[in-house]
Amino acid sequence: MFKKLSKIMAMIELTYFENSTQLFQVIQFRTGEAWRIVHEGELLGSILKMDGLWVANRNSILVEGLVASIGKFIDLQHFNNLPEELRLHWPMYIQQVIIQGDDQYLIVCLPEIDFNHFEKLFKTYISILLKDRWEILFKVYDAEMSADFQLLVKQGSLVD
């Protein structure tokens, strides 16, 4: 069952403003793939971080400065770092964190943990880890996908 989870599509769409006048859609269809840059409905190209630098694909009509600016914008988004932060915070409980969007994460726990205990820990401490101001939905599953809970958090507080 775990291998099937890694195939889940997780489209992420961000909005980038250049000089407060031009709006770009920055879209990633699957985690790890290149980001597509769209302006006024036209695909301008794709960018990808390689060896720490943001680069555009060969067929791109993106200028180098825009590639760097959009890349920096992507790097500043906390959702890119949150999966690793969750795994580091709970290494004895979490097997995988899958980004399903900037506002939704799927968490799969390690086998043979006390899932009910982890649920209590997670609900108690997740708000401390979050830096984003929008609502974030966590869908948490045990390793066998037989038990789960969901948690909605906004600005560091649990939403009922």
Protein backbone atom coordinates (compact mmCIF):
# COMPACT_ATOMS: atom_id res chain seq x y z
CA MET A 1 0.00 0.00 0.00
CA PHE A 2 2.84 2.41 0.82
CA LYS A 3 4.29 2.27 -2.70
CA LYS A 4 0.97 3.37 -4.18
CA LEU A 5 1.02 6.53 -2.05
CA SER A 6 4.24 7.75 -3.62
CA LYS A 7 2.41 7.94 -6.97
CA ILE A 8 -0.19 10.46 -5.73
CA MET A 9 -0.32 13.58 -7.86
CA ALA A 10 0.20 16.72 -5.87
CA MET A 11 -0.34 19.79 -8.02
CA ILE A 12 0.79 23.04 -6.45
CA GLU A 13 -0.12 26.42 -7.88
CA LEU A 14 1.43 29.66 -6.66
CA THR A 15 0.84 33.24 -7.77
CA TYR A 16 3.90 35.42 -8.33
CA PHE A 17 3.73 39.19 -8.84
CA GLU A 18 6.60 40.88 -10.71
CA ASN A 19 6.93 44.58 -9.82
CA SER A 20 3.29 44.57 -8.61
CA THR A 21 2.14 44.76 -12.23
CA GLN A 22 2.60 41.37 -13.87
CA LEU A 23 0.99 38.21 -12.54
CA PHE A 24 2.49 34.78 -13.16
CA GLN A 25 1.07 31.38 -12.30
CA VAL A 26 3.78 29.05 -11.02
CA ILE A 27 2.59 25.45 -11.28
CA GLN A 28 4.15 22.13 -10.30
CA PHE A 29 2.13 19.07 -11.26
CA ARG A 30 4.11 16.50 -9.23
CA THR A 31 6.60 16.90 -6.42
CA GLY A 32 10.11 17.05 -7.85
CA GLU A 33 9.06 18.05 -11.36
CA ALA A 34 9.86 21.36 -13.01
CA TRP A 35 7.68 24.38 -12.26
CA ARG A 36 5.69 25.70 -15.24
CA ILE A 37 5.48 29.46 -15.58
CA VAL A 38 2.27 30.83 -17.12
CA HIS A 39 1.49 34.47 -17.92
CA GLU A 40 -1.90 35.57 -19.27
CA GLY A 41 -2.74 31.97 -20.18
CA GLU A 42 0.49 31.37 -22.13
CA LEU A 43 3.10 28.85 -21.02
CA LEU A 44 6.39 30.74 -21.00
CA GLY A 45 8.55 27.81 -19.96
CA SER A 46 9.61 25.67 -17.05
CA ILE A 47 12.19 26.15 -14.33
CA LEU A 48 14.00 23.64 -12.15
CA LYS A 49 16.54 23.93 -9.37
CA MET A 50 19.78 22.23 -10.38
CA ASP A 51 22.87 22.23 -8.16
CA GLY A 52 21.34 25.02 -6.08
CA LEU A 53 20.58 27.30 -9.05
CA TRP A 54 17.26 27.92 -10.76
CA VAL A 55 17.46 27.33 -14.52
CA ALA A 56 14.94 27.52 -17.34
CA ASN A 57 14.38 24.77 -19.89
CA ARG A 58 15.80 25.18 -23.41
CA ASN A 59 12.48 26.14 -25.01
CA SER A 60 11.73 28.78 -22.39
CA ILE A 61 11.16 32.43 -23.22
CA LEU A 62 11.83 33.44 -19.61
CA VAL A 63 14.55 36.02 -18.99
CA GLU A 64 17.27 35.07 -16.51
CA GLY A 65 16.29 37.70 -13.93
CA LEU A 66 12.70 36.48 -13.88
CA VAL A 67 13.86 32.87 -13.47
CA ALA A 68 15.97 33.88 -10.46
CA SER A 69 13.13 35.94 -8.94
CA ILE A 70 10.54 33.20 -9.32
CA GLY A 71 13.02 30.61 -8.04
CA LYS A 72 13.67 32.71 -4.95
CA PHE A 73 9.90 33.06 -4.46
CA ILE A 74 9.49 29.25 -4.61
CA ASP A 75 12.34 28.78 -2.14
CA LEU A 76 10.66 31.14 0.33
CA GLN A 77 7.48 29.07 0.44
CA HIS A 78 7.40 27.19 3.73
CA PHE A 79 5.47 24.22 2.31
CA ASN A 80 8.70 23.06 0.64
CA ASN A 81 10.39 22.69 4.03
CA LEU A 82 7.51 21.45 6.16
CA PRO A 83 7.67 17.75 5.14
CA GLU A 84 11.31 17.48 6.24
CA GLU A 85 10.60 19.45 9.42
CA LEU A 86 7.79 17.03 10.30
CA ARG A 87 10.00 13.98 9.66
CA LEU A 88 12.83 15.47 11.74
CA HIS A 89 10.48 16.44 14.58
CA TRP A 90 8.86 12.99 14.77
CA PRO A 91 11.45 10.55 13.31
CA MET A 92 10.17 7.67 15.42
CA TYR A 93 6.63 8.07 14.05
CA ILE A 94 6.63 9.45 10.49
CA GLN A 95 7.59 7.40 7.45
CA GLN A 96 6.59 9.81 4.66
CA VAL A 97 5.05 13.24 4.13
CA ILE A 98 3.45 13.92 0.76
CA ILE A 99 2.65 17.47 -0.32
CA GLN A 100 -0.82 17.49 -1.86
CA GLY A 101 -0.88 21.28 -2.16
CA ASP A 102 0.42 24.26 -0.21
CA ASP A 103 -2.53 23.76 2.13
CA GLN A 104 -2.72 19.98 2.39
CA TYR A 105 -0.32 17.22 3.48
CA LEU A 106 -0.68 13.47 3.65
CA ILE A 107 1.37 11.81 6.40
CA VAL A 108 2.08 8.08 6.59
CA CYS A 109 3.36 6.75 9.90
CA LEU A 110 5.93 4.05 10.49
CA PRO A 111 4.74 0.49 11.16
CA GLU A 112 4.20 -0.71 14.72
CA ILE A 113 3.91 2.68 16.42
CA ASP A 114 1.24 3.61 18.95
CA PHE A 115 -0.92 5.51 16.47
CA ASN A 116 -3.28 6.88 19.15
CA HIS A 117 -0.33 8.24 21.12
CA PHE A 118 1.08 9.88 17.98
CA GLU A 119 -2.30 11.48 17.27
CA LYS A 120 -2.24 13.12 20.70
CA LEU A 121 1.36 14.30 20.23
CA PHE A 122 0.66 15.62 16.75
CA LYS A 123 -2.45 17.54 17.80
CA THR A 124 -0.60 19.02 20.76
CA TYR A 125 2.55 20.20 18.98
CA ILE A 126 1.82 20.74 15.26
CA SER A 127 0.81 24.36 15.72
CA ILE A 128 4.31 25.13 17.06
CA LEU A 129 5.93 23.95 13.79
CA LEU A 130 3.68 25.89 11.43
CA LYS A 131 4.78 29.25 10.03
CA ASP A 132 2.13 29.62 7.34
CA ARG A 133 -0.84 31.89 7.98
CA TRP A 134 -3.39 29.99 5.91
CA GLU A 135 -5.39 26.89 6.77
CA ILE A 136 -3.50 23.63 6.41
CA LEU A 137 -5.16 20.23 6.39
CA PHE A 138 -3.17 17.22 7.58
CA LYS A 139 -4.39 13.75 6.68
CA VAL A 140 -2.52 11.27 8.86
CA TYR A 141 -2.55 7.50 8.30
CA ASP A 142 -1.01 4.54 10.05
CA ALA A 143 1.39 2.38 8.00
CA GLU A 144 -1.34 -0.07 6.99
CA MET A 145 -3.76 2.72 6.01
CA SER A 146 -6.31 1.17 8.39
CA ALA A 147 -6.48 4.06 10.86
CA ASP A 148 -6.40 7.77 10.21
CA PHE A 149 -7.21 11.22 11.51
CA GLN A 150 -7.46 14.66 9.95
CA LEU A 151 -6.45 17.92 11.48
CA LEU A 152 -7.09 21.45 10.21
CA VAL A 153 -4.76 24.15 11.51
CA LYS A 154 -4.91 27.89 10.87
CA GLN A 155 -2.41 30.46 12.16
CA GLY A 156 -1.11 28.09 14.78
CA SER A 157 -4.53 27.10 16.13
CA LEU A 158 -6.55 23.95 15.62
CA VAL A 159 -9.76 24.53 13.68
CA ASP A 160 -12.73 22.48 14.85
